[in-house]
Amino acid sequence: MTLKSQQAAQQSEGQVATSAATAPAAAPPKLLPLFRVILHNDDENTVLDVVRTIVMLTPLDATEAVQRMWEAHHTGSSLLLVTHRERAELYVEQFHSRKLIVTIEPDE
């Protein structure tokens, strides 16, 4: 079957035949805006509970969790990670359920 006869058959069946040369170029997908997830120091939780929670809820390992916990303890806050808004908001809810204070802010 020739290309013209294939196109004619497709058009007669209600299908639109398109050529690769005439197809519009697909626009690259837009990236979601990023947000910082920030852990805040509190006087309610033990350092061990904070580290366990960070390891449980994030992709950070124990060494990184300890570093973030101490930074928050000494300076008042620590950047845990950067992710898209929906996941950042989920982290806020999950940490809140564990009685830890986490906020988000746009990553500029």
PDB file of N, CA and C in Angstrom:
ATOM      1  N   MET A   1       0.855  -1.161   0.000  1.00  0.00           N
ATOM      2  CA  MET A   1       0.000   0.000   0.000  1.00  0.00           C
ATOM      3  C   MET A   1       0.908   1.232   0.000  1.00  0.00           C
ATOM      4  N   THR A   2       0.621   2.188  -0.840  1.00  0.00           N
ATOM      5  CA  THR A   2       1.443   3.397  -0.924  1.00  0.00           C
ATOM      6  C   THR A   2       1.047   4.370   0.167  1.00  0.00           C
ATOM      7  N   LEU A   3       1.887   5.395   0.376  1.00  0.00           N
ATOM      8  CA  LEU A   3       1.619   6.405   1.403  1.00  0.00           C
ATOM      9  C   LEU A   3       0.314   7.131   1.104  1.00  0.00           C
ATOM     10  N   LYS A   4       0.068   7.468  -0.160  1.00  0.00           N
ATOM     11  CA  LYS A   4      -1.166   8.177  -0.512  1.00  0.00           C
ATOM     12  C   LYS A   4      -2.388   7.308  -0.252  1.00  0.00           C
ATOM     13  N   SER A   5      -2.298   6.025  -0.571  1.00  0.00           N
ATOM     14  CA  SER A   5      -3.454   5.154  -0.337  1.00  0.00           C
ATOM     15  C   SER A   5      -3.683   4.934   1.153  1.00  0.00           C
ATOM     16  N   GLN A   6      -2.587   4.926   1.968  1.00  0.00           N
ATOM     17  CA  GLN A   6      -2.741   4.810   3.416  1.00  0.00           C
ATOM     18  C   GLN A   6      -3.425   6.055   3.965  1.00  0.00           C
ATOM     19  N   GLN A   7      -2.992   7.237   3.504  1.00  0.00           N
ATOM     20  CA  GLN A   7      -3.593   8.483   3.974  1.00  0.00           C
ATOM     21  C   GLN A   7      -5.061   8.553   3.588  1.00  0.00           C
ATOM     22  N   ALA A   8      -5.371   8.136   2.359  1.00  0.00           N
ATOM     23  CA  ALA A   8      -6.760   8.150   1.902  1.00  0.00           C
ATOM     24  C   ALA A   8      -7.603   7.209   2.752  1.00  0.00           C
ATOM     25  N   ALA A   9      -7.064   6.036   3.078  1.00  0.00           N
ATOM     26  CA  ALA A   9      -7.793   5.072   3.906  1.00  0.00           C
ATOM     27  C   ALA A   9      -8.031   5.635   5.303  1.00  0.00           C
ATOM     28  N   GLN A  10      -7.017   6.286   5.879  1.00  0.00           N
ATOM     29  CA  GLN A  10      -7.169   6.860   7.217  1.00  0.00           C
ATOM     30  C   GLN A  10      -8.183   7.992   7.216  1.00  0.00           C
ATOM     31  N   GLN A  11      -8.157   8.842   6.200  1.00  0.00           N
ATOM     32  CA  GLN A  11      -9.099   9.944   6.130  1.00  0.00           C
ATOM     33  C   GLN A  11     -10.516   9.446   5.942  1.00  0.00           C
ATOM     34  N   SER A  12     -10.675   8.376   5.168  1.00  0.00           N
ATOM     35  CA  SER A  12     -12.019   7.840   4.960  1.00  0.00           C
ATOM     36  C   SER A  12     -12.566   7.207   6.237  1.00  0.00           C
ATOM     37  N   GLU A  13     -11.689   6.795   7.137  1.00  0.00           N
ATOM     38  CA  GLU A  13     -12.122   6.205   8.404  1.00  0.00           C
ATOM     39  C   GLU A  13     -12.277   7.267   9.483  1.00  0.00           C
ATOM     40  N   GLY A  14     -12.109   8.543   9.123  1.00  0.00           N
ATOM     41  CA  GLY A  14     -12.275   9.616  10.094  1.00  0.00           C
ATOM     42  C   GLY A  14     -11.000   9.943  10.847  1.00  0.00           C
ATOM     43  N   GLN A  15      -9.888   9.360  10.460  1.00  0.00           N
ATOM     44  CA  GLN A  15      -8.624   9.639  11.116  1.00  0.00           C
ATOM     45  C   GLN A  15      -7.897  10.709  10.331  1.00  0.00           C
ATOM     46  N   VAL A  16      -7.136  11.502  11.000  1.00  0.00           N
ATOM     47  CA  VAL A  16      -6.368  12.545  10.356  1.00  0.00           C
ATOM     48  C   VAL A  16      -4.952  12.058  10.184  1.00  0.00           C
ATOM     49  N   ALA A  17      -4.468  12.107   8.966  1.00  0.00           N
ATOM     50  CA  ALA A  17      -3.095  11.699   8.695  1.00  0.00           C
ATOM     51  C   ALA A  17      -2.196  12.912   8.862  1.00  0.00           C
ATOM     52  N   THR A  18      -1.123  12.756   9.628  1.00  0.00           N
ATOM     53  CA  THR A  18      -0.176  13.848   9.801  1.00  0.00           C
ATOM     54  C   THR A  18       1.190  13.362   9.387  1.00  0.00           C
ATOM     55  N   SER A  19       1.940  14.266   8.917  1.00  0.00           N
ATOM     56  CA  SER A  19       3.301  13.977   8.503  1.00  0.00           C
ATOM     57  C   SER A  19       4.241  14.434   9.601  1.00  0.00           C
ATOM     58  N   ALA A  20       5.328  13.715   9.786  1.00  0.00           N
ATOM     59  CA  ALA A  20       6.308  14.103  10.805  1.00  0.00           C
ATOM     60  C   ALA A  20       6.870  15.481  10.516  1.00  0.00           C
ATOM     61  N   ALA A  21       6.931  15.846   9.242  1.00  0.00           N
ATOM     62  CA  ALA A  21       7.482  17.153   8.876  1.00  0.00           C
ATOM     63  C   ALA A  21       6.524  18.278   9.228  1.00  0.00           C
ATOM     64  N   THR A  22       5.210  18.012   9.311  1.00  0.00           N
ATOM     65  CA  THR A  22       4.247  19.074   9.594  1.00  0.00           C
ATOM     66  C   THR A  22       3.764  19.074  11.037  1.00  0.00           C
ATOM     67  N   ALA A  23       4.156  18.103  11.830  1.00  0.00           N
ATOM     68  CA  ALA A  23       3.733  18.051  13.229  1.00  0.00           C
ATOM     69  C   ALA A  23       4.415  19.170  14.011  1.00  0.00           C
ATOM     70  N   PRO A  24       3.654  19.888  14.851  1.00  0.00           N
ATOM     71  CA  PRO A  24       4.265  20.966  15.627  1.00  0.00           C
ATOM     72  C   PRO A  24       5.240  20.405  16.660  1.00  0.00           C
ATOM     73  N   ALA A  25       6.277  21.170  16.917  1.00  0.00           N
ATOM     74  CA  ALA A  25       7.265  20.750  17.914  1.00  0.00           C
ATOM     75  C   ALA A  25       6.642  20.831  19.302  1.00  0.00           C
ATOM     76  N   ALA A  26       6.840  19.807  20.093  1.00  0.00           N
ATOM     77  CA  ALA A  26       6.313  19.798  21.453  1.00  0.00           C
ATOM     78  C   ALA A  26       7.114  20.763  22.314  1.00  0.00           C
ATOM     79  N   ALA A  27       6.386  21.564  23.081  1.00  0.00           N
ATOM     80  CA  ALA A  27       7.050  22.503  23.982  1.00  0.00           C
ATOM     81  C   ALA A  27       7.648  21.725  25.142  1.00  0.00           C
ATOM     82  N   PRO A  28       8.812  22.123  25.618  1.00  0.00           N
ATOM     83  CA  PRO A  28       9.394  21.414  26.754  1.00  0.00           C
ATOM     84  C   PRO A  28       8.509  21.590  27.988  1.00  0.00           C
ATOM     85  N   PRO A  29       8.399  20.565  28.826  1.00  0.00           N
ATOM     86  CA  PRO A  29       7.545  20.679  30.006  1.00  0.00           C
ATOM     87  C   PRO A  29       8.087  21.738  30.967  1.00  0.00           C
ATOM     88  N   LYS A  30       7.167  22.450  31.592  1.00  0.00           N
ATOM     89  CA  LYS A  30       7.564  23.463  32.569  1.00  0.00           C
ATOM     90  C   LYS A  30       7.868  22.784  33.897  1.00  0.00           C
ATOM     91  N   LEU A  31       8.919  23.232  34.538  1.00  0.00           N
ATOM     92  CA  LEU A  31       9.270  22.688  35.844  1.00  0.00           C
ATOM     93  C   LEU A  31       8.429  23.360  36.917  1.00  0.00           C
ATOM     94  N   LEU A  32       8.070  22.596  37.917  1.00  0.00           N
ATOM     95  CA  LEU A  32       7.323  23.159  39.038  1.00  0.00           C
ATOM     96  C   LEU A  32       8.227  24.078  39.847  1.00  0.00           C
ATOM     97  N   PRO A  33       7.682  25.170  40.386  1.00  0.00           N
ATOM     98  CA  PRO A  33       8.503  26.043  41.221  1.00  0.00           C
ATOM     99  C   PRO A  33       8.962  25.298  42.472  1.00  0.00           C
ATOM    100  N   LEU A  34      10.164  25.607  42.910  1.00  0.00           N
ATOM    101  CA  LEU A  34      10.745  24.912  44.060  1.00  0.00           C
ATOM    102  C   LEU A  34      10.526  25.688  45.352  1.00  0.00           C
ATOM    103  N   PHE A  35      10.433  24.935  46.445  1.00  0.00           N
ATOM    104  CA  PHE A  35      10.247  25.510  47.774  1.00  0.00           C
ATOM    105  C   PHE A  35      11.247  24.887  48.743  1.00  0.00           C
ATOM    106  N   ARG A  36      11.719  25.710  49.664  1.00  0.00           N
ATOM    107  CA  ARG A  36      12.614  25.246  50.720  1.00  0.00           C
ATOM    108  C   ARG A  36      11.791  24.719  51.883  1.00  0.00           C
ATOM    109  N   VAL A  37      12.213  23.613  52.433  1.00  0.00           N
ATOM    110  CA  VAL A  37      11.589  23.037  53.621  1.00  0.00           C
ATOM    111  C   VAL A  37      12.549  23.306  54.774  1.00  0.00           C
ATOM    112  N   ILE A  38      12.081  24.093  55.737  1.00  0.00           N
ATOM    113  CA  ILE A  38      12.954  24.577  56.806  1.00  0.00           C
ATOM    114  C   ILE A  38      12.503  24.031  58.159  1.00  0.00           C
ATOM    115  N   LEU A  39      13.427  23.403  58.840  1.00  0.00           N
ATOM    116  CA  LEU A  39      13.197  22.884  60.192  1.00  0.00           C
ATOM    117  C   LEU A  39      13.513  23.983  61.198  1.00  0.00           C
ATOM    118  N   HIS A  40      12.621  24.172  62.176  1.00  0.00           N
ATOM    119  CA  HIS A  40      12.831  25.179  63.219  1.00  0.00           C
ATOM    120  C   HIS A  40      13.109  24.497  64.554  1.00  0.00           C
ATOM    121  N   ASN A  41      13.933  25.145  65.339  1.00  0.00           N
ATOM    122  CA  ASN A  41      14.261  24.628  66.668  1.00  0.00           C
ATOM    123  C   ASN A  41      13.051  24.766  67.583  1.00  0.00           C
ATOM    124  N   ASP A  42      12.893  23.829  68.468  1.00  0.00           N
ATOM    125  CA  ASP A  42      11.882  23.936  69.517  1.00  0.00           C
ATOM    126  C   ASP A  42      12.441  23.339  70.790  1.00  0.00           C
ATOM    127  N   ASP A  43      11.779  23.648  71.888  1.00  0.00           N
ATOM    128  CA  ASP A  43      12.233  23.149  73.187  1.00  0.00           C
ATOM    129  C   ASP A  43      11.426  21.950  73.666  1.00  0.00           C
ATOM    130  N   GLU A  44      10.544  21.447  72.820  1.00  0.00           N
ATOM    131  CA  GLU A  44       9.667  20.358  73.207  1.00  0.00           C
ATOM    132  C   GLU A  44      10.239  18.980  72.909  1.00  0.00           C
ATOM    133  N   ASN A  45      10.965  18.843  71.802  1.00  0.00           N
ATOM    134  CA  ASN A  45      11.410  17.532  71.322  1.00  0.00           C
ATOM    135  C   ASN A  45      12.877  17.288  71.659  1.00  0.00           C
ATOM    136  N   THR A  46      13.198  16.033  71.906  1.00  0.00           N
ATOM    137  CA  THR A  46      14.596  15.692  72.159  1.00  0.00           C
ATOM    138  C   THR A  46      15.340  15.645  70.832  1.00  0.00           C
ATOM    139  N   VAL A  47      16.653  15.798  70.895  1.00  0.00           N
ATOM    140  CA  VAL A  47      17.449  15.763  69.669  1.00  0.00           C
ATOM    141  C   VAL A  47      17.305  14.412  68.979  1.00  0.00           C
ATOM    142  N   LEU A  48      17.201  13.352  69.740  1.00  0.00           N
ATOM    143  CA  LEU A  48      17.038  12.019  69.167  1.00  0.00           C
ATOM    144  C   LEU A  48      15.708  11.894  68.418  1.00  0.00           C
ATOM    145  N   ASP A  49      14.627  12.444  68.982  1.00  0.00           N
ATOM    146  CA  ASP A  49      13.330  12.410  68.302  1.00  0.00           C
ATOM    147  C   ASP A  49      13.367  13.193  66.994  1.00  0.00           C
ATOM    148  N   VAL A  50      14.048  14.326  66.991  1.00  0.00           N
ATOM    149  CA  VAL A  50      14.142  15.147  65.789  1.00  0.00           C
ATOM    150  C   VAL A  50      14.891  14.384  64.699  1.00  0.00           C
ATOM    151  N   VAL A  51      16.020  13.793  65.052  1.00  0.00           N
ATOM    152  CA  VAL A  51      16.816  13.037  64.070  1.00  0.00           C
ATOM    153  C   VAL A  51      16.011  11.857  63.536  1.00  0.00           C
ATOM    154  N   ARG A  52      15.364  11.125  64.400  1.00  0.00           N
ATOM    155  CA  ARG A  52      14.555   9.976  63.959  1.00  0.00           C
ATOM    156  C   ARG A  52      13.457  10.412  62.995  1.00  0.00           C
ATOM    157  N   THR A  53      12.813  11.526  63.293  1.00  0.00           N
ATOM    158  CA  THR A  53      11.735  12.022  62.438  1.00  0.00           C
ATOM    159  C   THR A  53      12.267  12.456  61.075  1.00  0.00           C
ATOM    160  N   ILE A  54      13.386  13.153  61.060  1.00  0.00           N
ATOM    161  CA  ILE A  54      13.973  13.585  59.790  1.00  0.00           C
ATOM    162  C   ILE A  54      14.300  12.373  58.926  1.00  0.00           C
ATOM    163  N   VAL A  55      14.905  11.377  59.512  1.00  0.00           N
ATOM    164  CA  VAL A  55      15.273  10.167  58.762  1.00  0.00           C
ATOM    165  C   VAL A  55      14.022   9.435  58.278  1.00  0.00           C
ATOM    166  N   MET A  56      12.999   9.393  59.109  1.00  0.00           N
ATOM    167  CA  MET A  56      11.777   8.684  58.766  1.00  0.00           C
ATOM    168  C   MET A  56      11.013   9.384  57.630  1.00  0.00           C
ATOM    169  N   LEU A  57      10.975  10.712  57.637  1.00  0.00           N
ATOM    170  CA  LEU A  57      10.116  11.441  56.706  1.00  0.00           C
ATOM    171  C   LEU A  57      10.812  11.959  55.446  1.00  0.00           C
ATOM    172  N   THR A  58      12.129  12.023  55.458  1.00  0.00           N
ATOM    173  CA  THR A  58      12.844  12.603  54.312  1.00  0.00           C
ATOM    174  C   THR A  58      13.839  11.588  53.740  1.00  0.00           C
ATOM    175  N   PRO A  59      14.418  11.915  52.598  1.00  0.00           N
ATOM    176  CA  PRO A  59      15.442  11.031  52.040  1.00  0.00           C
ATOM    177  C   PRO A  59      16.817  11.219  52.683  1.00  0.00           C
ATOM    178  N   LEU A  60      16.916  12.062  53.711  1.00  0.00           N
ATOM    179  CA  LEU A  60      18.195  12.302  54.370  1.00  0.00           C
ATOM    180  C   LEU A  60      18.594  11.098  55.223  1.00  0.00           C
ATOM    181  N   ASP A  61      19.900  10.808  55.247  1.00  0.00           N
ATOM    182  CA  ASP A  61      20.377   9.719  56.104  1.00  0.00           C
ATOM    183  C   ASP A  61      20.646  10.259  57.514  1.00  0.00           C
ATOM    184  N   ALA A  62      21.038   9.396  58.409  1.00  0.00           N
ATOM    185  CA  ALA A  62      21.211   9.774  59.818  1.00  0.00           C
ATOM    186  C   ALA A  62      22.274  10.856  59.998  1.00  0.00           C
ATOM    187  N   THR A  63      23.369  10.769  59.267  1.00  0.00           N
ATOM    188  CA  THR A  63      24.438  11.771  59.395  1.00  0.00           C
ATOM    189  C   THR A  63      23.937  13.149  58.982  1.00  0.00           C
ATOM    190  N   GLU A  64      23.233  13.202  57.851  1.00  0.00           N
ATOM    191  CA  GLU A  64      22.693  14.483  57.391  1.00  0.00           C
ATOM    192  C   GLU A  64      21.613  14.993  58.347  1.00  0.00           C
ATOM    193  N   ALA A  65      20.808  14.098  58.877  1.00  0.00           N
ATOM    194  CA  ALA A  65      19.757  14.489  59.816  1.00  0.00           C
ATOM    195  C   ALA A  65      20.353  15.091  61.079  1.00  0.00           C
ATOM    196  N   VAL A  66      21.434  14.507  61.577  1.00  0.00           N
ATOM    197  CA  VAL A  66      22.103  15.040  62.773  1.00  0.00           C
ATOM    198  C   VAL A  66      22.642  16.439  62.493  1.00  0.00           C
ATOM    199  N   GLN A  67      23.248  16.629  61.329  1.00  0.00           N
ATOM    200  CA  GLN A  67      23.776  17.952  60.971  1.00  0.00           C
ATOM    201  C   GLN A  67      22.665  18.992  60.917  1.00  0.00           C
ATOM    202  N   ARG A  68      21.545  18.648  60.272  1.00  0.00           N
ATOM    203  CA  ARG A  68      20.422  19.592  60.163  1.00  0.00           C
ATOM    204  C   ARG A  68      19.828  19.891  61.537  1.00  0.00           C
ATOM    205  N   MET A  69      19.715  18.853  62.371  1.00  0.00           N
ATOM    206  CA  MET A  69      19.153  19.040  63.709  1.00  0.00           C
ATOM    207  C   MET A  69      20.019  19.990  64.525  1.00  0.00           C
ATOM    208  N   TRP A  70      21.359  19.796  64.508  1.00  0.00           N
ATOM    209  CA  TRP A  70      22.253  20.659  65.285  1.00  0.00           C
ATOM    210  C   TRP A  70      22.242  22.090  64.753  1.00  0.00           C
ATOM    211  N   GLU A  71      22.163  22.233  63.433  1.00  0.00           N
ATOM    212  CA  GLU A  71      22.100  23.579  62.862  1.00  0.00           C
ATOM    213  C   GLU A  71      20.842  24.301  63.351  1.00  0.00           C
ATOM    214  N   ALA A  72      19.708  23.616  63.323  1.00  0.00           N
ATOM    215  CA  ALA A  72      18.461  24.215  63.823  1.00  0.00           C
ATOM    216  C   ALA A  72      18.557  24.503  65.310  1.00  0.00           C
ATOM    217  N   HIS A  73      19.182  23.616  66.045  1.00  0.00           N
ATOM    218  CA  HIS A  73      19.326  23.786  67.497  1.00  0.00           C
ATOM    219  C   HIS A  73      20.163  25.028  67.826  1.00  0.00           C
ATOM    220  N   HIS A  74      21.248  25.234  67.088  1.00  0.00           N
ATOM    221  CA  HIS A  74      22.163  26.340  67.393  1.00  0.00           C
ATOM    222  C   HIS A  74      21.786  27.663  66.737  1.00  0.00           C
ATOM    223  N   THR A  75      21.166  27.622  65.566  1.00  0.00           N
ATOM    224  CA  THR A  75      20.877  28.874  64.850  1.00  0.00           C
ATOM    225  C   THR A  75      19.392  29.217  64.796  1.00  0.00           C
ATOM    226  N   GLY A  76      18.547  28.273  65.168  1.00  0.00           N
ATOM    227  CA  GLY A  76      17.108  28.518  65.150  1.00  0.00           C
ATOM    228  C   GLY A  76      16.381  27.854  63.992  1.00  0.00           C
ATOM    229  N   SER A  77      17.100  27.601  62.887  1.00  0.00           N
ATOM    230  CA  SER A  77      16.467  26.928  61.758  1.00  0.00           C
ATOM    231  C   SER A  77      17.526  26.280  60.873  1.00  0.00           C
ATOM    232  N   SER A  78      17.069  25.347  60.035  1.00  0.00           N
ATOM    233  CA  SER A  78      17.973  24.645  59.135  1.00  0.00           C
ATOM    234  C   SER A  78      17.221  24.226  57.882  1.00  0.00           C
ATOM    235  N   LEU A  79      17.852  24.393  56.734  1.00  0.00           N
ATOM    236  CA  LEU A  79      17.268  23.954  55.474  1.00  0.00           C
ATOM    237  C   LEU A  79      17.352  22.433  55.401  1.00  0.00           C
ATOM    238  N   LEU A  80      16.189  21.789  55.328  1.00  0.00           N
ATOM    239  CA  LEU A  80      16.172  20.329  55.213  1.00  0.00           C
ATOM    240  C   LEU A  80      16.356  19.898  53.772  1.00  0.00           C
ATOM    241  N   LEU A  81      15.539  20.456  52.879  1.00  0.00           N
ATOM    242  CA  LEU A  81      15.605  20.083  51.473  1.00  0.00           C
ATOM    243  C   LEU A  81      14.821  21.085  50.640  1.00  0.00           C
ATOM    244  N   VAL A  82      14.933  20.944  49.327  1.00  0.00           N
ATOM    245  CA  VAL A  82      14.204  21.787  48.375  1.00  0.00           C
ATOM    246  C   VAL A  82      13.409  20.860  47.472  1.00  0.00           C
ATOM    247  N   THR A  83      12.123  21.156  47.316  1.00  0.00           N
ATOM    248  CA  THR A  83      11.248  20.313  46.509  1.00  0.00           C
ATOM    249  C   THR A  83      10.102  21.152  45.964  1.00  0.00           C
ATOM    250  N   HIS A  84       9.205  20.539  45.192  1.00  0.00           N
ATOM    251  CA  HIS A  84       8.066  21.284  44.657  1.00  0.00           C
ATOM    252  C   HIS A  84       7.039  21.528  45.765  1.00  0.00           C
ATOM    253  N   ARG A  85       6.141  22.468  45.520  1.00  0.00           N
ATOM    254  CA  ARG A  85       5.230  22.959  46.552  1.00  0.00           C
ATOM    255  C   ARG A  85       4.386  21.858  47.204  1.00  0.00           C
ATOM    256  N   GLU A  86       3.774  20.994  46.420  1.00  0.00           N
ATOM    257  CA  GLU A  86       2.892  19.976  47.012  1.00  0.00           C
ATOM    258  C   GLU A  86       3.650  19.069  47.970  1.00  0.00           C
ATOM    259  N   ARG A  87       4.843  18.650  47.579  1.00  0.00           N
ATOM    260  CA  ARG A  87       5.622  17.783  48.461  1.00  0.00           C
ATOM    261  C   ARG A  87       6.072  18.580  49.699  1.00  0.00           C
ATOM    262  N   ALA A  88       6.452  19.847  49.508  1.00  0.00           N
ATOM    263  CA  ALA A  88       6.861  20.678  50.642  1.00  0.00           C
ATOM    264  C   ALA A  88       5.713  20.822  51.639  1.00  0.00           C
ATOM    265  N   GLU A  89       4.504  21.048  51.132  1.00  0.00           N
ATOM    266  CA  GLU A  89       3.339  21.156  52.019  1.00  0.00           C
ATOM    267  C   GLU A  89       3.068  19.837  52.736  1.00  0.00           C
ATOM    268  N   LEU A  90       3.300  18.734  52.053  1.00  0.00           N
ATOM    269  CA  LEU A  90       3.148  17.424  52.688  1.00  0.00           C
ATOM    270  C   LEU A  90       4.145  17.264  53.834  1.00  0.00           C
ATOM    271  N   TYR A  91       5.395  17.695  53.610  1.00  0.00           N
ATOM    272  CA  TYR A  91       6.388  17.634  54.689  1.00  0.00           C
ATOM    273  C   TYR A  91       5.933  18.450  55.895  1.00  0.00           C
ATOM    274  N   VAL A  92       5.372  19.628  55.655  1.00  0.00           N
ATOM    275  CA  VAL A  92       4.878  20.460  56.763  1.00  0.00           C
ATOM    276  C   VAL A  92       3.850  19.679  57.576  1.00  0.00           C
ATOM    277  N   GLU A  93       2.905  19.057  56.905  1.00  0.00           N
ATOM    278  CA  GLU A  93       1.869  18.287  57.603  1.00  0.00           C
ATOM    279  C   GLU A  93       2.455  17.097  58.356  1.00  0.00           C
ATOM    280  N   GLN A  94       3.381  16.385  57.711  1.00  0.00           N
ATOM    281  CA  GLN A  94       3.951  15.198  58.351  1.00  0.00           C
ATOM    282  C   GLN A  94       4.770  15.570  59.585  1.00  0.00           C
ATOM    283  N   PHE A  95       5.594  16.604  59.469  1.00  0.00           N
ATOM    284  CA  PHE A  95       6.380  17.023  60.628  1.00  0.00           C
ATOM    285  C   PHE A  95       5.470  17.564  61.728  1.00  0.00           C
ATOM    286  N   HIS A  96       4.418  18.282  61.340  1.00  0.00           N
ATOM    287  CA  HIS A  96       3.475  18.794  62.337  1.00  0.00           C
ATOM    288  C   HIS A  96       2.831  17.647  63.110  1.00  0.00           C
ATOM    289  N   SER A  97       2.516  16.556  62.414  1.00  0.00           N
ATOM    290  CA  SER A  97       1.907  15.407  63.091  1.00  0.00           C
ATOM    291  C   SER A  97       2.863  14.780  64.102  1.00  0.00           C
ATOM    292  N   ARG A  98       4.158  15.037  63.918  1.00  0.00           N
ATOM    293  CA  ARG A  98       5.173  14.529  64.853  1.00  0.00           C
ATOM    294  C   ARG A  98       5.608  15.621  65.842  1.00  0.00           C
ATOM    295  N   LYS A  99       4.839  16.717  65.896  1.00  0.00           N
ATOM    296  CA  LYS A  99       5.072  17.825  66.842  1.00  0.00           C
ATOM    297  C   LYS A  99       6.374  18.589  66.576  1.00  0.00           C
ATOM    298  N   LEU A 100       6.782  18.653  65.293  1.00  0.00           N
ATOM    299  CA  LEU A 100       7.964  19.429  64.909  1.00  0.00           C
ATOM    300  C   LEU A 100       7.530  20.586  64.012  1.00  0.00           C
ATOM    301  N   ILE A 101       8.250  21.682  64.125  1.00  0.00           N
ATOM    302  CA  ILE A 101       7.914  22.879  63.356  1.00  0.00           C
ATOM    303  C   ILE A 101       8.746  22.925  62.079  1.00  0.00           C
ATOM    304  N   VAL A 102       8.052  22.861  60.952  1.00  0.00           N
ATOM    305  CA  VAL A 102       8.684  22.965  59.633  1.00  0.00           C
ATOM    306  C   VAL A 102       7.867  23.956  58.826  1.00  0.00           C
ATOM    307  N   THR A 103       8.547  24.861  58.145  1.00  0.00           N
ATOM    308  CA  THR A 103       7.868  25.813  57.277  1.00  0.00           C
ATOM    309  C   THR A 103       8.436  25.692  55.875  1.00  0.00           C
ATOM    310  N   ILE A 104       7.737  26.326  54.923  1.00  0.00           N
ATOM    311  CA  ILE A 104       8.252  26.351  53.550  1.00  0.00           C
ATOM    312  C   ILE A 104       8.332  27.796  53.085  1.00  0.00           C
ATOM    313  N   GLU A 105       9.224  28.027  52.131  1.00  0.00           N
ATOM    314  CA  GLU A 105       9.337  29.325  51.492  1.00  0.00           C
ATOM    315  C   GLU A 105       9.824  29.106  50.063  1.00  0.00           C
ATOM    316  N   PRO A 106       9.469  30.006  49.146  1.00  0.00           N
ATOM    317  CA  PRO A 106       9.917  29.835  47.763  1.00  0.00           C
ATOM    318  C   PRO A 106      11.452  29.821  47.678  1.00  0.00           C
ATOM    319  N   ASP A 107      11.962  28.990  46.829  1.00  0.00           N
ATOM    320  CA  ASP A 107      13.396  28.920  46.590  1.00  0.00           C
ATOM    321  C   ASP A 107      13.724  29.880  45.461  1.00  0.00           C
ATOM    322  N   GLU A 108      14.438  30.933  45.776  1.00  0.00           N
ATOM    323  CA  GLU A 108      14.724  31.948  44.762  1.00  0.00           C
ATOM    324  C   GLU A 108      16.028  31.741  44.097  1.00  0.00           C
TER     325      GLU A 108
END
